[in-house]
N, C-alpha and C. Protein backbone atom coordinates (compact mmCIF):
# COMPACT_ATOMS: atom_id res chain seq x y z
N MET A 1 -64.71 65.85 -90.59
CA MET A 1 -65.58 65.39 -89.93
C MET A 1 -64.74 65.09 -88.59
N GLU A 2 -65.40 66.12 -87.36
CA GLU A 2 -64.54 66.14 -85.76
C GLU A 2 -65.42 65.24 -84.96
N PRO A 3 -64.73 63.99 -84.07
CA PRO A 3 -65.07 63.68 -83.38
C PRO A 3 -66.10 64.56 -82.35
N SER A 4 -67.25 63.55 -82.26
CA SER A 4 -68.55 63.97 -81.47
C SER A 4 -67.96 63.74 -79.66
N HIS A 5 -68.73 64.50 -78.58
CA HIS A 5 -68.93 64.02 -77.97
C HIS A 5 -68.35 63.36 -76.74
N LYS A 6 -69.24 62.03 -77.46
CA LYS A 6 -69.42 60.41 -77.16
C LYS A 6 -68.50 59.70 -77.17
N ASP A 7 -67.59 59.95 -78.49
CA ASP A 7 -66.26 59.43 -78.87
C ASP A 7 -65.20 59.63 -77.54
N ALA A 8 -65.48 61.04 -77.79
CA ALA A 8 -64.26 61.64 -76.76
C ALA A 8 -64.34 60.88 -75.85
N GLU A 9 -65.18 60.82 -74.67
CA GLU A 9 -65.94 60.09 -73.40
C GLU A 9 -65.25 58.62 -73.26
N THR A 10 -65.47 57.64 -74.45
CA THR A 10 -64.86 56.67 -74.90
C THR A 10 -63.67 56.22 -75.12
N ALA A 11 -62.80 57.70 -75.71
CA ALA A 11 -61.29 57.66 -75.57
C ALA A 11 -60.79 57.96 -74.42
N ALA A 12 -61.48 58.40 -73.47
CA ALA A 12 -60.47 59.00 -72.38
C ALA A 12 -61.43 57.69 -71.46
N ALA A 13 -62.34 57.39 -71.59
CA ALA A 13 -62.39 55.74 -70.79
C ALA A 13 -61.39 54.98 -70.82
N ALA A 14 -60.87 54.66 -71.77
CA ALA A 14 -59.92 53.57 -72.48
C ALA A 14 -58.13 53.95 -72.16
N ALA A 15 -58.30 54.65 -72.14
CA ALA A 15 -57.54 55.17 -71.76
C ALA A 15 -56.44 55.72 -70.39
N ASP A 16 -57.64 55.92 -69.41
CA ASP A 16 -57.64 55.81 -68.14
C ASP A 16 -58.53 54.87 -67.56
N PRO A 17 -58.23 53.22 -67.25
CA PRO A 17 -59.06 52.76 -66.85
C PRO A 17 -59.93 52.93 -65.34
N ARG A 18 -59.44 53.83 -64.74
CA ARG A 18 -60.38 54.29 -63.38
C ARG A 18 -61.35 54.88 -63.38
N ALA A 19 -61.31 55.37 -65.13
CA ALA A 19 -62.35 56.76 -65.61
C ALA A 19 -63.51 55.36 -65.67
N ALA A 20 -63.67 54.44 -66.17
CA ALA A 20 -63.80 53.14 -67.20
C ALA A 20 -65.37 52.78 -65.66
N SER A 21 -66.26 52.36 -66.29
CA SER A 21 -67.41 51.34 -65.63
C SER A 21 -66.75 50.59 -64.57
N SER A 22 -67.29 50.28 -62.97
CA SER A 22 -67.08 49.06 -62.29
C SER A 22 -68.06 48.08 -62.20
N SER A 23 -68.63 48.35 -62.85
CA SER A 23 -69.33 47.05 -63.23
C SER A 23 -69.53 45.63 -63.94
N SER A 24 -67.84 45.58 -64.55
CA SER A 24 -67.85 44.76 -65.54
C SER A 24 -67.40 43.57 -64.35
N GLY A 25 -67.44 43.16 -62.97
CA GLY A 25 -67.69 41.93 -62.62
C GLY A 25 -66.68 41.19 -62.97
N VAL A 26 -65.58 41.66 -63.20
CA VAL A 26 -64.16 40.61 -63.25
C VAL A 26 -63.29 40.93 -62.20
N VAL A 27 -62.62 39.45 -61.41
CA VAL A 27 -62.56 39.23 -60.77
C VAL A 27 -61.06 38.29 -60.99
N VAL A 28 -60.03 39.24 -60.20
CA VAL A 28 -58.78 38.99 -60.97
C VAL A 28 -57.80 37.92 -59.93
N GLN A 29 -57.51 37.39 -59.62
CA GLN A 29 -56.23 36.34 -58.41
C GLN A 29 -55.15 35.93 -58.75
N VAL A 30 -54.31 36.56 -58.22
CA VAL A 30 -52.90 36.73 -58.33
C VAL A 30 -52.36 35.41 -56.83
N ARG A 31 -51.82 34.46 -58.15
CA ARG A 31 -51.01 33.55 -56.87
C ARG A 31 -49.51 33.64 -57.06
N GLU A 32 -48.62 33.63 -56.26
CA GLU A 32 -46.70 33.76 -56.79
C GLU A 32 -46.83 32.24 -55.97
N LYS A 33 -46.07 31.86 -57.84
CA LYS A 33 -45.57 30.91 -57.31
C LYS A 33 -44.28 31.02 -56.42
N LYS A 34 -44.27 29.67 -55.47
CA LYS A 34 -42.50 30.26 -55.05
C LYS A 34 -41.82 29.07 -55.23
N GLY A 35 -40.65 28.90 -55.29
CA GLY A 35 -39.67 28.14 -55.90
C GLY A 35 -39.48 27.25 -54.27
N PRO A 36 -39.08 26.23 -54.70
CA PRO A 36 -38.36 25.07 -53.14
C PRO A 36 -37.67 26.12 -52.13
N LEU A 37 -36.83 26.35 -52.44
CA LEU A 37 -36.05 27.38 -51.33
C LEU A 37 -36.52 28.00 -50.56
N ARG A 38 -37.41 28.74 -51.91
CA ARG A 38 -38.37 30.46 -50.49
C ARG A 38 -40.00 29.17 -49.87
N ALA A 39 -40.38 28.09 -50.60
CA ALA A 39 -41.06 27.81 -49.80
C ALA A 39 -40.95 27.05 -48.32
N ALA A 40 -39.79 26.71 -48.36
CA ALA A 40 -38.88 25.85 -47.05
C ALA A 40 -38.81 26.92 -46.12
N ILE A 41 -39.40 27.92 -46.31
CA ILE A 41 -38.94 28.88 -45.20
C ILE A 41 -40.21 28.46 -43.91
N PRO A 42 -40.26 28.12 -42.58
CA PRO A 42 -41.03 27.68 -41.92
C PRO A 42 -41.88 29.04 -41.07
N TYR A 43 -43.19 29.29 -40.96
CA TYR A 43 -43.82 30.01 -40.30
C TYR A 43 -43.41 29.94 -38.95
N MET A 44 -42.93 30.51 -37.93
CA MET A 44 -42.46 30.58 -37.18
C MET A 44 -42.92 31.60 -36.01
N PRO A 45 -42.57 31.60 -34.84
CA PRO A 45 -43.48 32.49 -34.05
C PRO A 45 -42.69 33.78 -33.95
N PHE A 46 -43.80 35.49 -33.80
CA PHE A 46 -42.86 36.01 -34.28
C PHE A 46 -41.66 36.50 -33.97
N PRO A 47 -41.08 37.31 -32.58
CA PRO A 47 -40.13 37.14 -31.38
C PRO A 47 -39.32 36.39 -32.81
N VAL A 48 -39.59 34.93 -32.91
CA VAL A 48 -38.05 34.37 -33.09
C VAL A 48 -37.94 34.51 -34.97
N ALA A 49 -39.26 35.29 -35.71
CA ALA A 49 -38.70 35.67 -36.64
C ALA A 49 -37.94 36.92 -36.55
N VAL A 50 -38.31 38.11 -35.84
CA VAL A 50 -37.74 39.32 -36.16
C VAL A 50 -35.99 39.09 -35.02
N ILE A 51 -35.80 37.60 -34.68
CA ILE A 51 -34.83 37.83 -34.29
C ILE A 51 -33.78 36.85 -35.57
N CYS A 52 -34.18 35.92 -36.27
CA CYS A 52 -33.71 35.45 -37.44
C CYS A 52 -33.46 36.97 -38.49
N LEU A 53 -34.21 37.59 -38.40
CA LEU A 53 -33.82 38.86 -39.48
C LEU A 53 -32.93 39.82 -38.84
N PHE A 54 -32.80 39.88 -37.51
CA PHE A 54 -31.81 40.87 -36.89
C PHE A 54 -30.75 40.14 -37.46
N LEU A 55 -30.56 38.49 -36.66
CA LEU A 55 -29.10 38.00 -37.62
C LEU A 55 -29.13 38.15 -38.77
N ASN A 56 -30.16 37.41 -39.92
CA ASN A 56 -29.69 37.11 -41.38
C ASN A 56 -28.89 39.06 -41.45
N THR A 57 -29.49 40.45 -40.70
CA THR A 57 -28.92 42.03 -41.25
C THR A 57 -27.73 41.82 -41.20
N PHE A 58 -27.25 41.05 -40.45
CA PHE A 58 -25.72 41.38 -39.30
C PHE A 58 -24.68 40.38 -39.80
N VAL A 59 -25.21 38.71 -40.14
CA VAL A 59 -24.41 38.04 -40.51
C VAL A 59 -25.05 37.34 -41.59
N PRO A 60 -25.05 37.45 -42.43
CA PRO A 60 -25.64 36.73 -43.59
C PRO A 60 -25.97 35.72 -43.56
N GLY A 61 -26.91 34.87 -43.54
CA GLY A 61 -26.88 32.89 -43.44
C GLY A 61 -27.40 32.80 -42.13
N LEU A 62 -26.98 33.16 -41.02
CA LEU A 62 -27.00 32.97 -39.69
C LEU A 62 -28.68 33.09 -39.71
N GLY A 63 -29.55 33.43 -40.10
CA GLY A 63 -30.61 33.79 -39.41
C GLY A 63 -31.51 32.10 -40.02
N THR A 64 -31.15 32.32 -41.13
CA THR A 64 -31.86 31.13 -42.10
C THR A 64 -31.45 30.08 -41.30
N PHE A 65 -30.16 29.98 -40.76
CA PHE A 65 -29.34 27.91 -40.25
C PHE A 65 -30.28 28.05 -38.85
N VAL A 66 -30.83 29.18 -38.66
CA VAL A 66 -31.85 29.04 -37.04
C VAL A 66 -32.96 28.72 -38.00
N SER A 67 -33.11 29.30 -38.63
CA SER A 67 -34.84 28.98 -38.53
C SER A 67 -34.57 27.57 -39.45
N ALA A 68 -34.10 26.70 -39.86
CA ALA A 68 -33.84 25.31 -40.23
C ALA A 68 -33.97 24.60 -39.18
N PHE A 69 -33.69 24.86 -37.65
CA PHE A 69 -33.90 23.92 -36.80
C PHE A 69 -35.57 24.44 -35.75
N ALA A 70 -36.00 25.30 -36.78
CA ALA A 70 -37.30 25.50 -36.05
C ALA A 70 -37.84 24.68 -36.84
N VAL A 71 -37.79 24.25 -38.15
CA VAL A 71 -38.41 22.86 -39.04
C VAL A 71 -37.92 21.64 -37.92
N LEU A 72 -37.36 21.63 -37.70
CA LEU A 72 -36.95 20.18 -37.08
C LEU A 72 -37.88 20.33 -35.77
N CYS A 73 -38.13 21.37 -35.34
CA CYS A 73 -39.01 21.77 -33.57
C CYS A 73 -40.48 21.61 -34.68
N GLY A 74 -40.81 21.31 -35.37
CA GLY A 74 -42.11 21.22 -35.50
C GLY A 74 -42.94 22.33 -36.51
N ALA A 75 -42.47 23.54 -37.20
CA ALA A 75 -42.28 24.69 -37.79
C ALA A 75 -42.83 24.48 -39.15
N ARG A 76 -43.89 24.98 -39.62
CA ARG A 76 -45.07 24.35 -40.98
C ARG A 76 -44.50 24.99 -41.65
N THR A 77 -44.04 24.69 -42.85
CA THR A 77 -43.54 25.21 -43.86
C THR A 77 -45.18 25.57 -44.94
N ASP A 78 -44.61 26.16 -46.23
CA ASP A 78 -45.46 25.66 -47.36
C ASP A 78 -44.74 24.56 -48.25
N LEU A 79 -44.43 24.00 -47.78
CA LEU A 79 -43.45 22.21 -48.22
C LEU A 79 -44.37 20.94 -47.77
N PRO A 80 -45.86 21.30 -47.56
CA PRO A 80 -45.97 19.68 -46.90
C PRO A 80 -45.51 18.38 -46.96
N ASP A 81 -45.71 18.21 -48.63
CA ASP A 81 -45.34 17.04 -49.62
C ASP A 81 -43.70 16.47 -48.79
N ARG A 82 -43.07 17.02 -48.53
CA ARG A 82 -41.67 17.20 -48.50
C ARG A 82 -41.56 16.75 -47.30
N HIS A 83 -40.56 15.95 -46.62
CA HIS A 83 -40.20 15.33 -45.61
C HIS A 83 -39.35 16.29 -44.44
N VAL A 84 -39.45 16.22 -43.22
CA VAL A 84 -38.99 17.69 -42.82
C VAL A 84 -37.23 17.42 -42.80
N CYS A 85 -36.98 16.37 -43.23
CA CYS A 85 -35.57 16.38 -43.32
C CYS A 85 -35.04 17.20 -44.19
N CYS A 86 -35.53 16.88 -45.39
CA CYS A 86 -35.62 17.74 -46.93
C CYS A 86 -35.37 18.83 -46.91
N VAL A 87 -36.79 19.63 -45.76
CA VAL A 87 -36.98 20.92 -45.76
C VAL A 87 -35.58 21.56 -45.35
N PHE A 88 -35.70 20.58 -43.95
CA PHE A 88 -34.40 21.11 -43.15
C PHE A 88 -33.04 21.60 -43.74
N TRP A 89 -32.70 20.62 -44.57
CA TRP A 89 -31.47 20.92 -45.66
C TRP A 89 -31.68 22.01 -47.25
N LEU A 90 -32.76 22.43 -46.92
CA LEU A 90 -33.04 23.42 -47.99
C LEU A 90 -32.57 24.42 -47.70
N ASN A 91 -33.21 24.95 -46.38
CA ASN A 91 -32.81 25.53 -45.52
C ASN A 91 -31.90 26.16 -44.92
N ILE A 92 -30.34 24.81 -45.13
CA ILE A 92 -29.37 25.06 -44.49
C ILE A 92 -28.64 25.45 -45.95
N ALA A 93 -29.04 24.61 -47.67
CA ALA A 93 -28.42 25.25 -48.30
C ALA A 93 -28.82 26.62 -49.02
N ALA A 94 -30.34 27.16 -48.53
CA ALA A 94 -30.68 28.94 -48.85
C ALA A 94 -29.52 29.74 -47.67
N ALA A 95 -28.84 29.33 -46.91
CA ALA A 95 -27.95 29.92 -45.73
C ALA A 95 -27.09 29.49 -45.55
N LEU A 96 -26.34 28.78 -46.68
CA LEU A 96 -25.05 28.61 -47.39
C LEU A 96 -24.45 29.41 -48.23
N ILE A 97 -25.87 29.47 -49.36
CA ILE A 97 -25.52 30.03 -50.66
C ILE A 97 -25.77 31.91 -50.33
N GLN A 98 -26.42 32.13 -49.10
CA GLN A 98 -26.20 33.31 -48.76
C GLN A 98 -25.00 33.76 -48.02
N THR A 99 -24.66 32.98 -47.40
CA THR A 99 -23.46 32.85 -46.95
C THR A 99 -21.90 33.02 -47.44
N LEU A 100 -22.01 32.17 -49.05
CA LEU A 100 -20.79 32.24 -49.40
C LEU A 100 -20.90 33.44 -50.48
N THR A 101 -22.41 33.65 -50.89
CA THR A 101 -22.12 34.75 -52.04
C THR A 101 -22.30 36.62 -51.56
N ALA A 102 -22.11 36.20 -50.03
CA ALA A 102 -22.10 37.92 -49.47
C ALA A 102 -21.15 38.61 -49.58
N ILE A 103 -19.90 37.95 -50.04
CA ILE A 103 -19.21 38.82 -50.66
C ILE A 103 -18.84 39.92 -51.40
N VAL A 104 -20.00 39.14 -52.63
CA VAL A 104 -20.54 40.35 -53.64
C VAL A 104 -21.67 40.72 -53.46
N MET A 105 -22.30 41.07 -52.05
CA MET A 105 -23.50 41.55 -51.59
C MET A 105 -24.88 41.27 -52.16
N VAL A 106 -24.48 40.32 -52.86
CA VAL A 106 -25.90 39.53 -53.27
C VAL A 106 -26.34 38.74 -52.00
N GLY A 107 -25.63 37.60 -51.51
CA GLY A 107 -25.89 37.02 -50.44
C GLY A 107 -26.74 38.06 -49.08
N TRP A 108 -26.06 38.68 -48.91
CA TRP A 108 -25.95 40.32 -47.45
C TRP A 108 -27.75 40.57 -48.11
N ILE A 109 -27.76 40.42 -49.46
CA ILE A 109 -29.62 41.58 -49.64
C ILE A 109 -30.60 40.26 -49.58
N MET A 110 -29.71 39.16 -49.91
CA MET A 110 -30.74 37.91 -50.09
C MET A 110 -31.30 37.50 -48.69
N SER A 111 -30.18 37.36 -48.17
CA SER A 111 -30.70 37.04 -46.15
C SER A 111 -31.51 38.29 -45.82
N ILE A 112 -31.21 39.60 -46.37
CA ILE A 112 -32.02 40.52 -45.27
C ILE A 112 -33.43 40.19 -46.28
N PHE A 113 -33.70 39.79 -47.37
CA PHE A 113 -35.29 39.69 -47.88
C PHE A 113 -35.68 38.53 -47.20
N TRP A 114 -34.28 37.53 -46.78
CA TRP A 114 -35.36 36.05 -46.58
C TRP A 114 -35.77 36.22 -45.04
N GLY A 115 -34.76 37.32 -43.96
CA GLY A 115 -35.40 37.14 -42.75
C GLY A 115 -37.13 38.60 -42.81
N MET A 116 -36.82 38.98 -43.73
CA MET A 116 -38.56 39.78 -43.87
C MET A 116 -39.29 39.08 -44.45
N ASP A 117 -38.94 38.11 -45.03
CA ASP A 117 -39.93 36.60 -45.66
C ASP A 117 -40.69 35.95 -44.43
N MET A 118 -39.41 35.74 -43.38
CA MET A 118 -39.59 34.96 -42.10
C MET A 118 -40.72 36.03 -40.95
N VAL A 119 -40.41 37.43 -41.18
CA VAL A 119 -41.10 38.22 -40.34
C VAL A 119 -42.65 38.23 -40.81
N ILE A 120 -42.90 38.12 -42.80
CA ILE A 120 -44.26 38.12 -42.87
C ILE A 120 -44.98 37.32 -42.34
N LEU A 121 -44.19 35.93 -42.70
CA LEU A 121 -44.75 34.45 -42.72
C LEU A 121 -45.31 34.73 -40.98
N ALA A 122 -44.42 35.40 -40.51
CA ALA A 122 -44.71 34.99 -38.58
C ALA A 122 -46.14 35.91 -38.62
N SER A 123 -46.00 36.73 -39.12
CA SER A 123 -47.38 37.47 -38.92
C SER A 123 -48.51 37.12 -39.58
N TYR A 124 -47.79 37.02 -41.03
CA TYR A 124 -49.33 35.70 -41.73
C TYR A 124 -50.18 34.81 -40.55
N LYS A 125 -48.80 33.98 -39.51
CA LYS A 125 -49.69 32.97 -38.82
C LYS A 125 -49.70 33.26 -37.31
N GLU A 126 -49.43 35.00 -37.10
CA GLU A 126 -49.64 35.28 -36.02
C GLU A 126 -51.39 35.97 -36.67
N GLN A 127 -51.68 36.35 -37.06
CA GLN A 127 -53.01 37.20 -37.49
C GLN A 127 -53.96 36.14 -37.81
N GLY A 128 -53.19 35.21 -37.95
CA GLY A 128 -54.21 33.60 -38.16
C GLY A 128 -55.14 33.99 -39.98
N ILE A 129 -54.35 34.68 -41.13
CA ILE A 129 -54.51 34.73 -41.90
C ILE A 129 -53.99 33.71 -42.83
N PRO A 130 -55.03 32.88 -43.33
CA PRO A 130 -54.20 32.06 -44.50
C PRO A 130 -53.22 32.60 -45.63
N GLN A 131 -52.72 31.86 -46.13
CA GLN A 131 -51.34 32.07 -46.60
C GLN A 131 -51.69 31.34 -47.86
N GLN A 132 -52.00 32.07 -49.15
CA GLN A 132 -52.16 31.53 -50.41
C GLN A 132 -50.92 31.20 -51.28
N LEU A 133 -50.87 29.67 -51.82
CA LEU A 133 -49.68 29.49 -52.93
C LEU A 133 -49.86 29.90 -53.62
């Protein structure tokens, strides 16, 4: 017995989700869970974040070290329940990790990504887009 035309359409819709009907009404929300080091990245003004990215690109950990002082100057982070000194030391620890592991390229790559995260967070702050936790 050969499959009917209706069975072929159902199989095609199951294989290709874009072909399925969009009237299912399911909303999926994805939230990124940040670790304490990543959540300690401060929301800085955009020019300062770009400078930190530049510093992190050429001297691993230096931009992260500078951003730690932005926390002491009142920059907001995603760790509202932690004391300012704790967040400052988390950023210093991240800078130290980036500097010490730069020899094996891991710290240098981490430092560049850290700088890109600073710029992304600064653009969220500048555009007024609320950052989801």
